[in-house]
């Protein structure tokens, strides 16, 4: 398709809105619909039901989204074919609509044809012609099972033997590994407490009230009225505060010192808040969503790290803000394991140091687990998205046989790999249909991302369907 192909999509939105009028049920017969968008909605809806998929808000969205994409592609392909000057032969249209007039034995019935109204016949003719035009583009570019000489497709992108051999070779080298895993969830309490005692002020808890408004001028007016005793702080909360950081009564909801610091635009303002005496009101302080005034209601509560509540807060804080502490701790543990494994062996070291191990079955270097190659099993605990973790894959396929890796961060674990077995695939066959599927997917992605397409699907869907 030429890059300067322009898609006229004003009517596409109308088609999509019309599609909202359809309740997706098997009874809806999309083939004879005048509305191509509704046709696709009906087809996808019936397909979902055929596979036992429950039709709910999620599947409705998927159905309409797929219908939208199919309609865009239909427009794009049809426009390209029309510009080429191609005209659908009448004989091809006739062949396409004949099945609609078959009797119970599968034979053409002139009686059924005569019984059909002229409108139905015209609809079938128009629908068949439109489909054949769009199919012409797809068949010319991606081949067709109906247009072959022997097993060789007449048209479409050709997959050469060299290409198939190249892809098959990508599948040849496969590797198996042993894995030693150190879960970051096992970070010991004593390590957390060590950090807490060195940074205790972070967990001071304050009893404060807060007024927050969007505009600085409003905050200045409120602060002046409070200072002049024209209104109480509580009245200011009730009348003016947006309560972004407070409960309905104005009490600061996230009141640990580190949480207060997190809402400030300027961290240097923290001392002006935590230094307030009981009953005192702060100056105007810029926060992340506007301008705030703080009032200190009571003396600070120092942390008691023996309490279950503080230990939960501490764990959440370290996981969110001090993750390197955890990773450094387990990296050191992993290095101890590597040293022991080199002195003995992988399994003995794991048993001695009480380290969890597992095996990874052989797989090729296959980023994203593309379907034309064998894939990495990511269903095992801790392996989620490992097929897209570049550091993991680079490490795994840089090792020599029986070599141990350096510690690697993978999801919630620090792992050590040992390349244990080299394998290979003896299958030289490549599924050509999958390659064609990738070509078609690439075409769809290219058109849907084109700057010539104004994609208002989300807006139209929610405005016309969700409401």
Protein backbone atom coordinates (compact mmCIF):
# COMPACT_ATOMS: atom_id res chain seq x y z
CA UNK A 1 0.00 0.00 0.00
CA UNK A 2 1.40 3.42 -0.89
CA UNK A 3 2.35 5.65 2.01
CA UNK A 4 0.27 8.53 0.68
CA UNK A 5 -2.95 6.54 0.78
CA UNK A 6 -5.54 8.65 2.59
CA UNK A 7 -8.37 7.07 4.53
CA UNK A 8 -11.70 8.88 4.65
CA UNK A 9 -12.97 7.91 8.08
CA UNK A 10 -15.75 10.41 8.76
CA UNK A 11 -18.35 7.80 7.90
CA UNK A 12 -16.43 5.19 9.88
CA UNK A 13 -17.50 6.83 13.12
CA UNK A 14 -21.09 6.77 11.92
CA UNK A 15 -20.74 3.07 11.19
CA UNK A 16 -19.34 2.45 14.63
CA UNK A 17 -22.15 4.39 16.30
CA UNK A 18 -24.66 2.43 14.25
CA UNK A 19 -23.00 -0.74 15.48
CA UNK A 20 -23.96 0.21 19.02
CA UNK A 21 -27.58 -0.37 18.06
CA UNK A 22 -26.91 -4.09 17.70
CA UNK A 23 -27.33 -6.48 20.59
CA UNK A 24 -24.71 -9.11 19.87
CA UNK A 25 -26.69 -12.32 19.72
CA UNK A 26 -26.47 -15.31 17.44
CA UNK A 27 -29.79 -14.27 15.94
CA UNK A 28 -28.17 -11.20 14.40
CA UNK A 29 -27.26 -12.09 10.84
CA UNK A 30 -24.39 -9.81 9.83
CA UNK A 31 -23.90 -11.02 6.25
CA UNK A 32 -26.80 -9.10 4.81
CA UNK A 33 -26.35 -5.95 6.86
CA UNK A 34 -25.81 -2.71 5.04
CA UNK A 35 -23.55 -1.62 7.83
CA UNK A 36 -20.05 -3.11 7.58
CA UNK A 37 -19.20 -1.99 11.11
CA UNK A 38 -22.28 -3.73 12.47
CA UNK A 39 -21.40 -6.73 10.33
CA UNK A 40 -18.05 -7.07 12.09
CA UNK A 41 -19.66 -6.56 15.50
CA UNK A 42 -22.10 -9.35 14.78
CA UNK A 43 -19.40 -11.68 13.49
CA UNK A 44 -17.11 -11.16 16.48
CA UNK A 45 -20.00 -11.41 18.91
CA UNK A 46 -21.07 -14.76 17.47
CA UNK A 47 -17.47 -15.98 17.49
CA UNK A 48 -17.10 -15.12 21.17
CA UNK A 49 -20.31 -16.96 22.00
CA UNK A 50 -19.33 -19.94 19.86
CA UNK A 51 -16.23 -20.37 22.04
CA UNK A 52 -18.30 -20.12 25.20
CA UNK A 53 -17.19 -16.61 26.12
CA UNK A 54 -19.61 -14.80 28.41
CA UNK A 55 -20.73 -11.48 26.95
CA UNK A 56 -20.11 -8.75 29.51
CA UNK A 57 -18.70 -5.21 29.55
CA UNK A 58 -15.16 -6.50 29.00
CA UNK A 59 -16.01 -8.68 26.02
CA UNK A 60 -18.29 -6.00 24.54
CA UNK A 61 -15.31 -3.65 24.54
CA UNK A 62 -13.11 -6.29 22.90
CA UNK A 63 -15.78 -7.05 20.29
CA UNK A 64 -16.28 -3.41 19.33
CA UNK A 65 -12.54 -2.73 19.35
CA UNK A 66 -11.90 -5.65 17.00
CA UNK A 67 -14.81 -4.55 14.81
CA UNK A 68 -13.36 -1.04 14.66
CA UNK A 69 -9.95 -2.31 13.58
CA UNK A 70 -11.50 -4.63 10.99
CA UNK A 71 -13.53 -1.76 9.57
CA UNK A 72 -10.44 0.45 9.35
CA UNK A 73 -8.53 -2.29 7.55
CA UNK A 74 -11.48 -2.92 5.24
CA UNK A 75 -11.57 0.78 4.29
CA UNK A 76 -7.80 0.95 3.79
CA UNK A 77 -7.58 -2.20 1.69
CA UNK A 78 -10.65 -1.33 -0.39
CA UNK A 79 -9.38 2.19 -1.07
CA UNK A 80 -6.03 0.84 -2.26
CA UNK A 81 -7.68 -1.67 -4.60
CA UNK A 82 -10.07 0.91 -6.05
CA UNK A 83 -7.17 3.26 -6.78
CA UNK A 84 -5.46 0.44 -8.69
CA UNK A 85 -8.38 0.38 -11.13
CA UNK A 86 -9.35 -3.18 -10.33
CA UNK A 87 -13.01 -4.05 -11.00
CA UNK A 88 -14.59 -7.15 -9.50
CA UNK A 89 -15.77 -9.51 -12.27
CA UNK A 90 -19.51 -10.13 -12.25
CA UNK A 91 -18.82 -13.85 -12.39
CA UNK A 92 -16.88 -13.63 -9.12
CA UNK A 93 -19.79 -11.82 -7.45
CA UNK A 94 -22.19 -14.46 -8.74
CA UNK A 95 -20.04 -17.28 -7.35
CA UNK A 96 -19.89 -15.50 -4.02
CA UNK A 97 -23.66 -15.10 -3.58
CA UNK A 98 -24.75 -18.49 -4.94
CA UNK A 99 -24.42 -20.24 -1.54
CA UNK A 100 -27.18 -17.99 -0.19
CA UNK A 101 -29.64 -19.69 -2.53
CA UNK A 102 -28.82 -23.34 -1.92
CA UNK A 103 -31.47 -25.86 -0.96
CA UNK A 104 -31.17 -28.42 1.83
CA UNK A 105 -29.02 -30.60 -0.46
CA UNK A 106 -26.54 -27.86 -1.19
CA UNK A 107 -27.76 -27.30 -4.76
CA UNK A 108 -28.61 -23.94 -6.32
CA UNK A 109 -32.32 -23.23 -6.09
CA UNK A 110 -33.86 -20.88 -8.65
CA UNK A 111 -37.01 -20.94 -6.52
CA UNK A 112 -35.17 -19.47 -3.51
CA UNK A 113 -33.59 -16.89 -5.77
CA UNK A 114 -36.96 -15.80 -7.19
CA UNK A 115 -38.46 -15.63 -3.70
CA UNK A 116 -35.80 -13.19 -2.52
CA UNK A 117 -36.69 -9.51 -2.86
CA UNK A 118 -34.73 -7.20 -5.11
CA UNK A 119 -33.45 -5.35 -2.04
CA UNK A 120 -32.02 -8.55 -0.57
CA UNK A 121 -30.40 -9.46 -3.86
CA UNK A 122 -28.89 -5.98 -4.16
CA UNK A 123 -27.63 -6.14 -0.58
CA UNK A 124 -25.98 -9.49 -1.28
CA UNK A 125 -24.45 -8.15 -4.49
CA UNK A 126 -23.06 -5.03 -2.76
CA UNK A 127 -21.79 -7.00 0.22
CA UNK A 128 -20.08 -9.58 -1.99
CA UNK A 129 -18.50 -6.90 -4.17
CA UNK A 130 -17.16 -5.01 -1.13
CA UNK A 131 -15.75 -8.18 0.40
CA UNK A 132 -14.07 -9.24 -2.84
CA UNK A 133 -12.46 -5.83 -3.23
CA UNK A 134 -10.97 -5.92 0.28
CA UNK A 135 -10.01 -9.59 -0.17
CA UNK A 136 -8.17 -8.74 -3.38
CA UNK A 137 -5.70 -6.60 -1.44
CA UNK A 138 -5.26 -9.20 1.31
CA UNK A 139 -4.83 -12.05 -1.17
CA UNK A 140 -2.40 -10.12 -3.37
CA UNK A 141 -0.22 -9.21 -0.40
CA UNK A 142 -0.61 -12.13 1.98
CA UNK A 143 -1.58 -14.99 -0.33
CA UNK A 144 -4.72 -17.12 -0.32
CA UNK A 145 -5.45 -20.82 0.03
CA UNK A 146 -7.83 -20.50 -2.92
CA UNK A 147 -5.25 -19.14 -5.33
CA UNK A 148 -2.49 -21.73 -5.58
CA UNK A 149 -0.69 -23.79 -8.14
CA UNK A 150 -0.16 -27.05 -6.35
CA UNK A 151 1.06 -26.00 -2.91
CA UNK A 152 2.54 -22.70 -4.10
CA UNK A 153 0.56 -19.51 -3.57
CA UNK A 154 0.14 -17.44 -6.73
CA UNK A 155 0.31 -14.12 -4.94
CA UNK A 156 1.37 -12.60 -1.66
CA UNK A 157 4.57 -12.21 0.27
CA UNK A 158 6.72 -15.22 -0.34
CA UNK A 159 8.60 -16.98 2.43
CA UNK A 160 11.79 -18.23 0.84
CA UNK A 161 13.55 -21.41 1.83
CA UNK A 162 16.44 -19.26 3.04
CA UNK A 163 14.08 -17.32 5.34
CA UNK A 164 12.55 -20.50 6.71
CA UNK A 165 16.01 -21.97 7.25
CA UNK A 166 17.13 -18.79 9.02
CA UNK A 167 14.17 -18.95 11.41
CA UNK A 168 14.65 -22.68 11.96
CA UNK A 169 18.29 -21.98 12.89
CA UNK A 170 17.10 -19.49 15.49
CA UNK A 171 15.43 -22.45 17.16
CA UNK A 172 18.48 -24.70 17.03
CA UNK A 173 20.48 -23.62 20.07
CA UNK A 174 18.52 -24.31 23.22
CA UNK A 175 19.65 -24.19 26.83
CA UNK A 176 18.60 -25.65 30.17
CA UNK A 177 19.40 -24.06 33.52
CA UNK A 178 19.35 -24.55 37.24
CA UNK A 179 18.10 -21.55 39.21
CA UNK A 180 18.83 -20.50 42.77
CA UNK A 181 16.29 -17.91 43.92
CA UNK A 182 16.36 -15.45 46.82
CA UNK A 183 12.93 -13.91 47.35
CA UNK A 184 12.86 -10.24 48.26
CA UNK A 185 9.79 -11.02 50.38
CA UNK A 186 12.10 -12.88 52.79
CA UNK A 187 13.98 -9.73 53.83
CA UNK A 188 14.53 -10.30 57.57
CA UNK A 189 12.84 -8.23 60.24
CA UNK A 190 16.14 -7.58 61.97
CA UNK A 191 17.46 -5.89 58.81
CA UNK A 192 14.33 -3.75 58.62
CA UNK A 193 14.70 -2.77 62.29
CA UNK A 194 18.34 -1.89 61.73
CA UNK A 195 17.25 0.60 59.08
CA UNK A 196 14.36 1.84 61.23
CA UNK A 197 16.52 2.60 64.26
CA UNK A 198 18.94 4.55 62.07
CA UNK A 199 16.08 6.55 60.47
CA UNK A 200 13.50 6.68 63.26
CA UNK A 201 12.33 10.23 62.48
CA UNK A 202 10.81 9.01 59.21
CA UNK A 203 8.21 7.17 61.26
CA UNK A 204 7.25 9.96 63.66
CA UNK A 205 3.47 10.27 63.52
CA UNK A 206 1.73 13.63 63.67
CA UNK A 207 -1.78 14.62 64.65
CA UNK A 208 -2.46 17.42 62.20
CA UNK A 209 -5.26 19.07 60.31
CA UNK A 210 -4.86 20.52 56.84
CA UNK A 211 -6.63 22.95 54.51
CA UNK A 212 -5.77 22.57 50.82
CA UNK A 213 -6.90 24.79 47.94
CA UNK A 214 -5.82 25.00 44.32
CA UNK A 215 -4.98 28.70 44.07
CA UNK A 216 -2.35 30.48 46.16
CA UNK A 217 -4.45 33.63 46.37
CA UNK A 218 -7.29 31.66 47.97
CA UNK A 219 -4.86 30.13 50.47
CA UNK A 220 -3.57 33.61 51.35
CA UNK A 221 -7.10 34.87 51.95
CA UNK A 222 -7.95 31.85 54.15
CA UNK A 223 -4.69 32.18 56.13
CA UNK A 224 -5.41 35.85 56.75
CA UNK A 225 -8.93 35.18 57.99
CA UNK A 226 -7.67 32.43 60.32
CA UNK A 227 -4.93 34.74 61.68
CA UNK A 228 -7.49 37.52 62.27
CA UNK A 229 -9.83 35.10 64.08
CA UNK A 230 -12.50 35.74 61.48
CA UNK A 231 -12.93 31.97 61.04
CA UNK A 232 -11.64 28.96 62.91
CA UNK A 233 -9.33 26.45 61.27
CA UNK A 234 -12.17 23.93 61.45
CA UNK A 235 -14.49 26.34 59.61
CA UNK A 236 -11.84 26.79 56.93
CA UNK A 237 -11.69 23.02 56.51
CA UNK A 238 -15.45 22.79 56.16
CA UNK A 239 -15.90 25.77 53.82
CA UNK A 240 -12.81 25.80 51.62
CA UNK A 241 -10.62 22.71 51.78
CA UNK A 242 -10.54 20.31 48.85
CA UNK A 243 -9.60 17.58 51.37
CA UNK A 244 -7.05 16.08 49.01
CA UNK A 245 -4.88 14.96 51.91
CA UNK A 246 -7.44 14.74 54.68
CA UNK A 247 -10.58 13.03 55.89
CA UNK A 248 -13.88 14.93 55.86
CA UNK A 249 -13.04 16.58 59.20
CA UNK A 250 -9.71 17.87 57.90
CA UNK A 251 -7.46 15.40 59.73
CA UNK A 252 -4.29 14.59 57.78
CA UNK A 253 -4.74 10.98 56.63
CA UNK A 254 -1.13 9.99 55.86
CA UNK A 255 0.56 11.38 58.92
CA UNK A 256 3.95 9.68 59.19
CA UNK A 257 6.83 12.07 58.60
CA UNK A 258 7.90 10.41 55.34
CA UNK A 259 4.31 10.64 54.07
CA UNK A 260 4.11 14.36 54.87
CA UNK A 261 7.40 14.89 53.05
CA UNK A 262 6.01 13.11 49.99
CA UNK A 263 3.19 15.63 49.49
CA UNK A 264 5.48 18.69 49.60
CA UNK A 265 6.74 20.45 46.50
CA UNK A 266 9.77 21.64 48.46
CA UNK A 267 11.14 19.08 50.91
CA UNK A 268 12.83 21.89 52.87
CA UNK A 269 9.35 22.94 54.06
CA UNK A 270 9.11 19.76 56.16
CA UNK A 271 10.90 21.33 59.14
CA UNK A 272 8.38 24.21 59.22
CA UNK A 273 5.56 21.65 59.61
CA UNK A 274 7.15 19.19 62.02
CA UNK A 275 8.46 22.06 64.15
CA UNK A 276 4.97 23.49 64.86
CA UNK A 277 4.05 23.69 68.53
CA UNK A 278 0.75 22.21 69.69
CA UNK A 279 -2.13 24.36 68.40
CA UNK A 280 0.07 26.35 66.00
CA UNK A 281 -0.81 26.99 62.38
CA UNK A 282 1.76 26.97 59.57
CA UNK A 283 2.38 29.48 56.83
CA UNK A 284 1.14 28.64 53.36
CA UNK A 285 3.06 25.66 51.99
CA UNK A 286 2.97 24.46 48.40
CA UNK A 287 1.92 20.83 48.12
CA UNK A 288 1.68 18.59 45.07
CA UNK A 289 -1.94 19.53 44.28
CA UNK A 290 -2.07 23.14 45.42
CA UNK A 291 -1.42 25.20 48.53
CA UNK A 292 -1.92 23.99 52.09
CA UNK A 293 -2.10 25.26 55.64
CA UNK A 294 -1.25 22.86 58.48
CA UNK A 295 -2.36 22.91 62.10
CA UNK A 296 -0.60 20.81 64.73
CA UNK A 297 -3.20 19.31 67.08
CA UNK A 298 -1.01 17.37 69.49
CA UNK A 299 2.52 16.31 70.37
CA UNK A 300 4.32 13.99 67.96
CA UNK A 301 4.08 10.23 68.56
CA UNK A 302 7.48 8.58 68.46
CA UNK A 303 7.67 5.18 66.73
CA UNK A 304 7.46 1.94 68.66
CA UNK A 305 9.06 -0.59 66.36
CA UNK A 306 7.99 -3.45 68.59
CA UNK A 307 4.36 -2.92 67.55
CA UNK A 308 2.85 -4.95 64.72
CA UNK A 309 1.43 -1.80 63.15
CA UNK A 310 4.82 -0.06 62.92
CA UNK A 311 6.45 -3.18 61.57
CA UNK A 312 3.85 -3.34 58.78
CA UNK A 313 4.42 0.35 58.02
CA UNK A 314 8.17 -0.21 58.07
CA UNK A 315 7.91 -3.16 55.65
CA UNK A 316 5.75 -1.16 53.24
CA UNK A 317 8.11 1.80 53.38
CA UNK A 318 11.25 -0.24 52.67
CA UNK A 319 9.56 -2.13 49.80
CA UNK A 320 8.41 1.14 48.23
CA UNK A 321 11.32 3.50 48.88
CA UNK A 322 14.39 1.48 49.88
CA UNK A 323 14.27 -1.46 47.47
CA UNK A 324 18.02 -1.27 46.91
CA UNK A 325 18.52 -2.23 50.56
CA UNK A 326 16.70 -5.50 49.90
CA UNK A 327 18.43 -6.14 46.60
CA UNK A 328 21.87 -5.42 48.06
CA UNK A 329 21.19 -7.78 50.96
CA UNK A 330 20.16 -10.69 48.76
CA UNK A 331 22.86 -9.94 46.19
CA UNK A 332 25.37 -10.49 48.98
CA UNK A 333 23.59 -13.75 49.87
CA UNK A 334 23.67 -14.78 46.21
CA UNK A 335 27.40 -14.08 46.03
CA UNK A 336 27.93 -16.25 49.11
CA UNK A 337 26.00 -19.01 47.32
CA UNK A 338 28.11 -18.63 44.17
CA UNK A 339 31.31 -18.90 46.20
CA UNK A 340 30.04 -22.06 47.92
CA UNK A 341 28.77 -23.58 44.64
CA UNK A 342 32.16 -23.08 43.00
CA UNK A 343 33.83 -24.78 45.95
CA UNK A 344 31.43 -27.75 45.84
CA UNK A 345 28.49 -27.84 43.42
CA UNK A 346 25.16 -26.14 42.81
CA UNK A 347 22.90 -28.56 44.71
CA UNK A 348 25.27 -29.03 47.65
CA UNK A 349 25.61 -25.28 48.07
CA UNK A 350 21.83 -24.87 47.96
CA UNK A 351 21.36 -27.53 50.63
CA UNK A 352 24.07 -26.08 52.87
CA UNK A 353 22.77 -22.50 52.65
CA UNK A 354 19.07 -23.46 52.52
CA UNK A 355 18.50 -21.85 49.12
CA UNK A 356 15.45 -22.57 46.98
CA UNK A 357 16.27 -24.06 43.56
CA UNK A 358 14.39 -25.02 40.41
CA UNK A 359 15.06 -26.04 36.81
CA UNK A 360 14.34 -24.28 33.53
CA UNK A 361 13.65 -26.63 30.63
CA UNK A 362 15.54 -26.01 27.42
CA UNK A 363 14.48 -23.05 25.30
CA UNK A 364 16.03 -20.93 22.54
CA UNK A 365 16.84 -17.24 22.73
CA UNK A 366 13.32 -16.03 22.02
CA UNK A 367 12.51 -12.52 23.20
CA UNK A 368 8.79 -12.22 23.82
CA UNK A 369 8.14 -15.92 23.23
CA UNK A 370 7.19 -15.44 19.59
CA UNK A 371 5.16 -18.38 18.38
CA UNK A 372 7.36 -19.41 15.44
CA UNK A 373 10.01 -20.59 17.91
CA UNK A 374 9.99 -22.78 21.01
CA UNK A 375 9.36 -20.74 24.13
CA UNK A 376 10.53 -20.23 27.68
CA UNK A 377 8.06 -21.55 30.27
CA UNK A 378 7.07 -18.46 32.23
CA UNK A 379 4.32 -20.16 34.24
CA UNK A 380 6.71 -21.29 36.98
CA UNK A 381 6.90 -19.29 40.18
CA UNK A 382 8.96 -16.13 39.71
CA UNK A 383 9.33 -16.49 35.93
CA UNK A 384 6.55 -14.13 34.86
CA UNK A 385 7.67 -11.96 31.89
CA UNK A 386 11.17 -13.46 32.02
CA UNK A 387 10.90 -13.84 28.23
CA UNK A 388 10.96 -10.02 27.96
CA UNK A 389 13.65 -9.40 30.58
CA UNK A 390 16.69 -8.44 28.51
CA UNK A 391 19.13 -8.70 31.41
CA UNK A 392 17.94 -12.22 32.21
CA UNK A 393 18.16 -13.39 28.58
CA UNK A 394 21.55 -11.76 27.95
CA UNK A 395 22.92 -13.34 31.12
CA UNK A 396 21.49 -16.78 30.34
CA UNK A 397 22.81 -16.91 26.78
CA UNK A 398 26.22 -15.45 27.60
CA UNK A 399 27.16 -18.29 29.96
CA UNK A 400 29.46 -21.14 29.07
CA UNK A 401 28.29 -24.67 29.80
CA UNK A 402 28.18 -25.32 33.58
CA UNK A 403 29.15 -21.71 34.31
CA UNK A 404 27.42 -19.80 37.13
CA UNK A 405 25.99 -16.37 36.49
CA UNK A 406 26.37 -13.23 38.55
CA UNK A 407 23.26 -12.36 40.61
CA UNK A 408 20.35 -11.20 38.44
CA UNK A 409 17.21 -9.32 39.51
CA UNK A 410 14.14 -11.09 38.14
CA UNK A 411 10.73 -9.93 39.35
CA UNK A 412 10.64 -10.39 43.13
CA UNK A 413 13.79 -12.50 43.23
CA UNK A 414 17.52 -12.26 43.03
CA UNK A 415 18.58 -15.34 41.06
CA UNK A 416 21.72 -17.20 40.13
CA UNK A 417 21.72 -19.29 36.95
CA UNK A 418 23.81 -22.28 36.02
CA UNK A 419 23.83 -23.31 32.36
CA UNK A 420 23.48 -27.06 32.75
CA UNK A 421 22.64 -28.56 29.37
CA UNK A 422 22.94 -27.60 25.74
CA UNK A 423 20.11 -28.82 23.57
CA UNK A 424 18.93 -28.39 20.02
CA UNK A 425 15.79 -28.59 17.96
CA UNK A 426 15.80 -31.18 15.19
CA UNK A 427 12.72 -29.62 13.63
CA UNK A 428 13.63 -27.80 10.42
CA UNK A 429 10.01 -27.06 9.58
CA UNK A 430 8.70 -23.54 10.07
CA UNK A 431 4.98 -22.88 10.16
CA UNK A 432 4.56 -20.65 7.11
CA UNK A 433 1.00 -19.81 8.15
CA UNK A 434 2.40 -18.21 11.29
CA UNK A 435 4.78 -16.12 9.20
CA UNK A 436 1.86 -14.92 7.07
CA UNK A 437 -0.02 -14.11 10.27
CA UNK A 438 2.88 -11.92 11.40
CA UNK A 439 2.83 -10.13 8.04
CA UNK A 440 -0.88 -9.40 8.45
CA UNK A 441 -0.43 -8.29 12.06
CA UNK A 442 2.35 -5.93 10.98
CA UNK A 443 0.08 -4.43 8.32
CA UNK A 444 -2.67 -3.84 10.90
CA UNK A 445 -0.26 -2.27 13.37
CA UNK A 446 1.15 0.01 10.69
CA UNK A 447 -2.25 1.28 9.56
CA UNK A 448 -3.68 1.67 13.07
CA UNK A 449 -0.65 3.77 14.05
CA UNK A 450 -0.71 5.87 10.88
CA UNK A 451 -0.90 9.64 11.34
CA UNK A 452 -3.55 9.55 8.60
CA UNK A 453 -5.92 7.71 10.94
CA UNK A 454 -7.79 9.66 13.60
CA UNK A 455 -8.57 6.99 16.17
CA UNK A 456 -11.45 8.17 18.37
CA UNK A 457 -12.58 4.68 19.28
CA UNK A 458 -12.32 5.08 23.06
CA UNK A 459 -14.25 8.36 23.10
CA UNK A 460 -16.98 7.09 20.79
CA UNK A 461 -17.29 3.80 22.64
CA UNK A 462 -17.67 5.29 26.09
CA UNK A 463 -19.87 8.19 24.96
CA UNK A 464 -22.27 6.03 22.97
CA UNK A 465 -22.15 2.65 24.67
CA UNK A 466 -21.09 2.91 28.31
CA UNK A 467 -23.71 5.60 28.96
